[in-house]
Amino acid sequence: MSAFVLDKLCKGCQRCVRACPEGAISMALSLAVVEASKCTECETCMEACMHGAITLVQDVKEDLKAIQG
């Protein structure tokens, strides 16, 4: 699992970037982006985000396999 940014909710405020103790979040095109390999699932970014734009997700490939059967 790692943190994931919901693009439609991200306002580009960078609170999550400043909050992440691992430096796993950066900005790209005014949106936060999480580098999954650096994310330790500490949830600090989720707590810092005022817009609810960050969630924890499993590997997307695993989720797609489960959905597609």
PDB file of N, CA and C in Angstrom:
ATOM      1  N   MET A   1       0.847  -1.182   0.000  1.00  0.00           N
ATOM      2  CA  MET A   1       0.000   0.000   0.000  1.00  0.00           C
ATOM      3  C   MET A   1       0.890   1.242   0.000  1.00  0.00           C
ATOM      4  N   SER A   2       0.338   2.303  -0.504  1.00  0.00           N
ATOM      5  CA  SER A   2       1.013   3.597  -0.414  1.00  0.00           C
ATOM      6  C   SER A   2      -0.034   4.690  -0.529  1.00  0.00           C
ATOM      7  N   ALA A   3       0.380   5.898  -0.214  1.00  0.00           N
ATOM      8  CA  ALA A   3      -0.531   7.036  -0.338  1.00  0.00           C
ATOM      9  C   ALA A   3      -0.781   7.303  -1.813  1.00  0.00           C
ATOM     10  N   PHE A   4      -1.959   7.808  -2.108  1.00  0.00           N
ATOM     11  CA  PHE A   4      -2.354   8.124  -3.478  1.00  0.00           C
ATOM     12  C   PHE A   4      -3.131   9.428  -3.453  1.00  0.00           C
ATOM     13  N   VAL A   5      -2.856  10.307  -4.401  1.00  0.00           N
ATOM     14  CA  VAL A   5      -3.520  11.608  -4.461  1.00  0.00           C
ATOM     15  C   VAL A   5      -4.680  11.555  -5.451  1.00  0.00           C
ATOM     16  N   LEU A   6      -5.838  11.962  -4.992  1.00  0.00           N
ATOM     17  CA  LEU A   6      -7.015  12.061  -5.855  1.00  0.00           C
ATOM     18  C   LEU A   6      -6.954  13.427  -6.544  1.00  0.00           C
ATOM     19  N   ASP A   7      -6.580  13.406  -7.822  1.00  0.00           N
ATOM     20  CA  ASP A   7      -6.321  14.634  -8.575  1.00  0.00           C
ATOM     21  C   ASP A   7      -7.458  15.655  -8.510  1.00  0.00           C
ATOM     22  N   LYS A   8      -8.690  15.182  -8.560  1.00  0.00           N
ATOM     23  CA  LYS A   8      -9.817  16.116  -8.588  1.00  0.00           C
ATOM     24  C   LYS A   8     -10.002  16.865  -7.270  1.00  0.00           C
ATOM     25  N   LEU A   9      -9.463  16.307  -6.193  1.00  0.00           N
ATOM     26  CA  LEU A   9      -9.593  16.964  -4.887  1.00  0.00           C
ATOM     27  C   LEU A   9      -8.363  17.791  -4.515  1.00  0.00           C
ATOM     28  N   CYS A  10      -7.215  17.505  -5.147  1.00  0.00           N
ATOM     29  CA  CYS A  10      -5.975  18.206  -4.817  1.00  0.00           C
ATOM     30  C   CYS A  10      -6.044  19.659  -5.285  1.00  0.00           C
ATOM     31  N   LYS A  11      -5.738  20.577  -4.374  1.00  0.00           N
ATOM     32  CA  LYS A  11      -5.761  22.011  -4.683  1.00  0.00           C
ATOM     33  C   LYS A  11      -4.356  22.586  -4.861  1.00  0.00           C
ATOM     34  N   GLY A  12      -3.337  21.728  -4.751  1.00  0.00           N
ATOM     35  CA  GLY A  12      -1.957  22.179  -4.957  1.00  0.00           C
ATOM     36  C   GLY A  12      -1.399  23.030  -3.836  1.00  0.00           C
ATOM     37  N   CYS A  13      -1.917  22.875  -2.627  1.00  0.00           N
ATOM     38  CA  CYS A  13      -1.491  23.728  -1.505  1.00  0.00           C
ATOM     39  C   CYS A  13      -0.125  23.337  -0.942  1.00  0.00           C
ATOM     40  N   GLN A  14       0.342  22.141  -1.228  1.00  0.00           N
ATOM     41  CA  GLN A  14       1.647  21.618  -0.819  1.00  0.00           C
ATOM     42  C   GLN A  14       1.773  21.301   0.664  1.00  0.00           C
ATOM     43  N   ARG A  15       0.686  21.292   1.391  1.00  0.00           N
ATOM     44  CA  ARG A  15       0.750  20.931   2.814  1.00  0.00           C
ATOM     45  C   ARG A  15       1.269  19.508   2.982  1.00  0.00           C
ATOM     46  N   CYS A  16       0.851  18.613   2.109  1.00  0.00           N
ATOM     47  CA  CYS A  16       1.294  17.221   2.196  1.00  0.00           C
ATOM     48  C   CYS A  16       2.788  17.099   1.889  1.00  0.00           C
ATOM     49  N   VAL A  17       3.264  17.892   0.949  1.00  0.00           N
ATOM     50  CA  VAL A  17       4.689  17.880   0.589  1.00  0.00           C
ATOM     51  C   VAL A  17       5.522  18.267   1.798  1.00  0.00           C
ATOM     52  N   ARG A  18       5.111  19.320   2.471  1.00  0.00           N
ATOM     53  CA  ARG A  18       5.845  19.786   3.650  1.00  0.00           C
ATOM     54  C   ARG A  18       5.713  18.813   4.819  1.00  0.00           C
ATOM     55  N   ALA A  19       4.591  18.109   4.906  1.00  0.00           N
ATOM     56  CA  ALA A  19       4.335  17.225   6.038  1.00  0.00           C
ATOM     57  C   ALA A  19       5.029  15.865   5.928  1.00  0.00           C
ATOM     58  N   CYS A  20       5.273  15.393   4.739  1.00  0.00           N
ATOM     59  CA  CYS A  20       5.809  14.042   4.557  1.00  0.00           C
ATOM     60  C   CYS A  20       7.231  13.921   5.104  1.00  0.00           C
ATOM     61  N   PRO A  21       7.423  13.076   6.124  1.00  0.00           N
ATOM     62  CA  PRO A  21       8.750  12.937   6.729  1.00  0.00           C
ATOM     63  C   PRO A  21       9.743  12.183   5.842  1.00  0.00           C
ATOM     64  N   GLU A  22       9.245  11.486   4.841  1.00  0.00           N
ATOM     65  CA  GLU A  22      10.103  10.689   3.964  1.00  0.00           C
ATOM     66  C   GLU A  22      10.446  11.399   2.655  1.00  0.00           C
ATOM     67  N   GLY A  23       9.836  12.564   2.408  1.00  0.00           N
ATOM     68  CA  GLY A  23      10.081  13.264   1.148  1.00  0.00           C
ATOM     69  C   GLY A  23       9.509  12.510  -0.041  1.00  0.00           C
ATOM     70  N   ALA A  24       8.427  11.784   0.199  1.00  0.00           N
ATOM     71  CA  ALA A  24       7.827  10.938  -0.843  1.00  0.00           C
ATOM     72  C   ALA A  24       6.852  11.686  -1.743  1.00  0.00           C
ATOM     73  N   ILE A  25       6.544  12.938  -1.414  1.00  0.00           N
ATOM     74  CA  ILE A  25       5.552  13.686  -2.186  1.00  0.00           C
ATOM     75  C   ILE A  25       6.209  14.888  -2.844  1.00  0.00           C
ATOM     76  N   SER A  26       5.921  15.051  -4.113  1.00  0.00           N
ATOM     77  CA  SER A  26       6.422  16.202  -4.859  1.00  0.00           C
ATOM     78  C   SER A  26       5.255  16.796  -5.644  1.00  0.00           C
ATOM     79  N   MET A  27       5.505  17.890  -6.312  1.00  0.00           N
ATOM     80  CA  MET A  27       4.464  18.538  -7.112  1.00  0.00           C
ATOM     81  C   MET A  27       4.766  18.364  -8.606  1.00  0.00           C
ATOM     82  N   ALA A  28       3.729  18.105  -9.372  1.00  0.00           N
ATOM     83  CA  ALA A  28       3.841  18.014 -10.819  1.00  0.00           C
ATOM     84  C   ALA A  28       2.579  18.614 -11.416  1.00  0.00           C
ATOM     85  N   LEU A  29       2.744  19.610 -12.250  1.00  0.00           N
ATOM     86  CA  LEU A  29       1.600  20.300 -12.859  1.00  0.00           C
ATOM     87  C   LEU A  29       0.622  20.794 -11.799  1.00  0.00           C
ATOM     88  N   SER A  30       1.152  21.331 -10.713  1.00  0.00           N
ATOM     89  CA  SER A  30       0.370  21.910  -9.609  1.00  0.00           C
ATOM     90  C   SER A  30      -0.433  20.888  -8.811  1.00  0.00           C
ATOM     91  N   LEU A  31      -0.096  19.609  -8.936  1.00  0.00           N
ATOM     92  CA  LEU A  31      -0.767  18.566  -8.167  1.00  0.00           C
ATOM     93  C   LEU A  31       0.272  17.752  -7.409  1.00  0.00           C
ATOM     94  N   ALA A  32      -0.105  17.263  -6.244  1.00  0.00           N
ATOM     95  CA  ALA A  32       0.785  16.419  -5.458  1.00  0.00           C
ATOM     96  C   ALA A  32       0.891  15.044  -6.102  1.00  0.00           C
ATOM     97  N   VAL A  33       2.099  14.478  -6.057  1.00  0.00           N
ATOM     98  CA  VAL A  33       2.360  13.145  -6.600  1.00  0.00           C
ATOM     99  C   VAL A  33       3.163  12.371  -5.566  1.00  0.00           C
ATOM    100  N   VAL A  34       2.741  11.145  -5.267  1.00  0.00           N
ATOM    101  CA  VAL A  34       3.419  10.323  -4.278  1.00  0.00           C
ATOM    102  C   VAL A  34       4.329   9.320  -4.974  1.00  0.00           C
ATOM    103  N   GLU A  35       5.582   9.255  -4.526  1.00  0.00           N
ATOM    104  CA  GLU A  35       6.512   8.238  -5.012  1.00  0.00           C
ATOM    105  C   GLU A  35       6.329   7.024  -4.095  1.00  0.00           C
ATOM    106  N   ALA A  36       5.620   6.027  -4.607  1.00  0.00           N
ATOM    107  CA  ALA A  36       5.213   4.878  -3.797  1.00  0.00           C
ATOM    108  C   ALA A  36       6.379   4.172  -3.121  1.00  0.00           C
ATOM    109  N   SER A  37       7.523   4.123  -3.759  1.00  0.00           N
ATOM    110  CA  SER A  37       8.666   3.411  -3.183  1.00  0.00           C
ATOM    111  C   SER A  37       9.213   4.100  -1.929  1.00  0.00           C
ATOM    112  N   LYS A  38       8.919   5.377  -1.746  1.00  0.00           N
ATOM    113  CA  LYS A  38       9.369   6.119  -0.564  1.00  0.00           C
ATOM    114  C   LYS A  38       8.303   6.192   0.529  1.00  0.00           C
ATOM    115  N   CYS A  39       7.066   5.917   0.193  1.00  0.00           N
ATOM    116  CA  CYS A  39       5.953   6.047   1.139  1.00  0.00           C
ATOM    117  C   CYS A  39       6.010   4.941   2.182  1.00  0.00           C
ATOM    118  N   THR A  40       5.934   5.332   3.460  1.00  0.00           N
ATOM    119  CA  THR A  40       5.959   4.375   4.572  1.00  0.00           C
ATOM    120  C   THR A  40       4.584   4.181   5.201  1.00  0.00           C
ATOM    121  N   GLU A  41       3.554   4.744   4.592  1.00  0.00           N
ATOM    122  CA  GLU A  41       2.169   4.619   5.055  1.00  0.00           C
ATOM    123  C   GLU A  41       1.952   5.213   6.443  1.00  0.00           C
ATOM    124  N   CYS A  42       2.688   6.261   6.771  1.00  0.00           N
ATOM    125  CA  CYS A  42       2.568   6.867   8.102  1.00  0.00           C
ATOM    126  C   CYS A  42       1.298   7.712   8.252  1.00  0.00           C
ATOM    127  N   GLU A  43       0.680   8.061   7.141  1.00  0.00           N
ATOM    128  CA  GLU A  43      -0.570   8.825   7.104  1.00  0.00           C
ATOM    129  C   GLU A  43      -0.425  10.289   7.506  1.00  0.00           C
ATOM    130  N   THR A  44       0.800  10.777   7.649  1.00  0.00           N
ATOM    131  CA  THR A  44       1.015  12.178   7.995  1.00  0.00           C
ATOM    132  C   THR A  44       0.459  13.086   6.903  1.00  0.00           C
ATOM    133  N   CYS A  45       0.633  12.706   5.665  1.00  0.00           N
ATOM    134  CA  CYS A  45       0.127  13.505   4.546  1.00  0.00           C
ATOM    135  C   CYS A  45      -1.399  13.568   4.564  1.00  0.00           C
ATOM    136  N   MET A  46      -2.035  12.451   4.910  1.00  0.00           N
ATOM    137  CA  MET A  46      -3.496  12.408   4.966  1.00  0.00           C
ATOM    138  C   MET A  46      -4.017  13.365   6.030  1.00  0.00           C
ATOM    139  N   GLU A  47      -3.333  13.398   7.163  1.00  0.00           N
ATOM    140  CA  GLU A  47      -3.726  14.296   8.246  1.00  0.00           C
ATOM    141  C   GLU A  47      -3.511  15.755   7.870  1.00  0.00           C
ATOM    142  N   ALA A  48      -2.479  16.028   7.077  1.00  0.00           N
ATOM    143  CA  ALA A  48      -2.153  17.402   6.690  1.00  0.00           C
ATOM    144  C   ALA A  48      -3.073  17.934   5.593  1.00  0.00           C
ATOM    145  N   CYS A  49      -3.635  17.039   4.792  1.00  0.00           N
ATOM    146  CA  CYS A  49      -4.452  17.477   3.652  1.00  0.00           C
ATOM    147  C   CYS A  49      -5.829  17.951   4.110  1.00  0.00           C
ATOM    148  N   MET A  50      -6.099  19.226   3.894  1.00  0.00           N
ATOM    149  CA  MET A  50      -7.384  19.816   4.299  1.00  0.00           C
ATOM    150  C   MET A  50      -8.513  19.466   3.338  1.00  0.00           C
ATOM    151  N   HIS A  51      -8.162  18.904   2.177  1.00  0.00           N
ATOM    152  CA  HIS A  51      -9.152  18.662   1.133  1.00  0.00           C
ATOM    153  C   HIS A  51      -9.535  17.190   0.989  1.00  0.00           C
ATOM    154  N   GLY A  52      -8.933  16.338   1.802  1.00  0.00           N
ATOM    155  CA  GLY A  52      -9.237  14.906   1.732  1.00  0.00           C
ATOM    156  C   GLY A  52      -8.779  14.278   0.425  1.00  0.00           C
ATOM    157  N   ALA A  53      -7.705  14.810  -0.145  1.00  0.00           N
ATOM    158  CA  ALA A  53      -7.260  14.366  -1.464  1.00  0.00           C
ATOM    159  C   ALA A  53      -6.288  13.193  -1.425  1.00  0.00           C
ATOM    160  N   ILE A  54      -5.918  12.730  -0.227  1.00  0.00           N
ATOM    161  CA  ILE A  54      -4.946  11.646  -0.141  1.00  0.00           C
ATOM    162  C   ILE A  54      -5.564  10.459   0.577  1.00  0.00           C
ATOM    163  N   THR A  55      -5.350   9.289   0.010  1.00  0.00           N
ATOM    164  CA  THR A  55      -5.850   8.055   0.585  1.00  0.00           C
ATOM    165  C   THR A  55      -4.769   6.993   0.455  1.00  0.00           C
ATOM    166  N   LEU A  56      -4.917   5.896   1.160  1.00  0.00           N
ATOM    167  CA  LEU A  56      -3.998   4.770   0.999  1.00  0.00           C
ATOM    168  C   LEU A  56      -4.630   3.773   0.040  1.00  0.00           C
ATOM    169  N   VAL A  57      -3.839   3.268  -0.883  1.00  0.00           N
ATOM    170  CA  VAL A  57      -4.334   2.294  -1.849  1.00  0.00           C
ATOM    171  C   VAL A  57      -3.354   1.140  -1.980  1.00  0.00           C
ATOM    172  N   GLN A  58      -3.898  -0.002  -2.345  1.00  0.00           N
ATOM    173  CA  GLN A  58      -3.064  -1.147  -2.661  1.00  0.00           C
ATOM    174  C   GLN A  58      -2.537  -0.970  -4.072  1.00  0.00           C
ATOM    175  N   ASP A  59      -1.673  -1.851  -4.477  1.00  0.00           N
ATOM    176  CA  ASP A  59      -1.155  -1.835  -5.835  1.00  0.00           C
ATOM    177  C   ASP A  59      -2.328  -1.833  -6.816  1.00  0.00           C
ATOM    178  N   VAL A  60      -2.359  -0.893  -7.718  1.00  0.00           N
ATOM    179  CA  VAL A  60      -3.458  -0.738  -8.668  1.00  0.00           C
ATOM    180  C   VAL A  60      -3.625  -1.991  -9.514  1.00  0.00           C
ATOM    181  N   LYS A  61      -2.543  -2.638  -9.882  1.00  0.00           N
ATOM    182  CA  LYS A  61      -2.622  -3.859 -10.690  1.00  0.00           C
ATOM    183  C   LYS A  61      -3.390  -4.943  -9.961  1.00  0.00           C
ATOM    184  N   GLU A  62      -3.160  -5.073  -8.657  1.00  0.00           N
ATOM    185  CA  GLU A  62      -3.886  -6.057  -7.863  1.00  0.00           C
ATOM    186  C   GLU A  62      -5.367  -5.730  -7.812  1.00  0.00           C
ATOM    187  N   ASP A  63      -5.686  -4.445  -7.656  1.00  0.00           N
ATOM    188  CA  ASP A  63      -7.087  -4.037  -7.611  1.00  0.00           C
ATOM    189  C   ASP A  63      -7.789  -4.322  -8.931  1.00  0.00           C
ATOM    190  N   LEU A  64      -7.124  -4.043 -10.047  1.00  0.00           N
ATOM    191  CA  LEU A  64      -7.722  -4.303 -11.361  1.00  0.00           C
ATOM    192  C   LEU A  64      -7.978  -5.783 -11.574  1.00  0.00           C
ATOM    193  N   LYS A  65      -7.062  -6.622 -11.147  1.00  0.00           N
ATOM    194  CA  LYS A  65      -7.248  -8.059 -11.290  1.00  0.00           C
ATOM    195  C   LYS A  65      -8.466  -8.512 -10.490  1.00  0.00           C
ATOM    196  N   ALA A  66      -8.624  -7.980  -9.286  1.00  0.00           N
ATOM    197  CA  ALA A  66      -9.759  -8.344  -8.439  1.00  0.00           C
ATOM    198  C   ALA A  66     -11.078  -7.898  -9.054  1.00  0.00           C
ATOM    199  N   ILE A  67     -11.079  -6.720  -9.646  1.00  0.00           N
ATOM    200  CA  ILE A  67     -12.307  -6.187 -10.260  1.00  0.00           C
ATOM    201  C   ILE A  67     -12.675  -6.964 -11.505  1.00  0.00           C
ATOM    202  N   GLN A  68     -11.671  -7.281 -12.331  1.00  0.00           N
ATOM    203  CA  GLN A  68     -11.912  -7.954 -13.605  1.00  0.00           C
ATOM    204  C   GLN A  68     -12.154  -9.444 -13.440  1.00  0.00           C
ATOM    205  N   GLY A  69     -11.839  -9.976 -12.290  1.00  0.00           N
ATOM    206  CA  GLY A  69     -12.106 -11.377 -12.004  1.00  0.00           C
ATOM    207  C   GLY A  69     -11.063 -12.242 -12.527  1.00  0.00           C
TER     208      GLY A  69
END
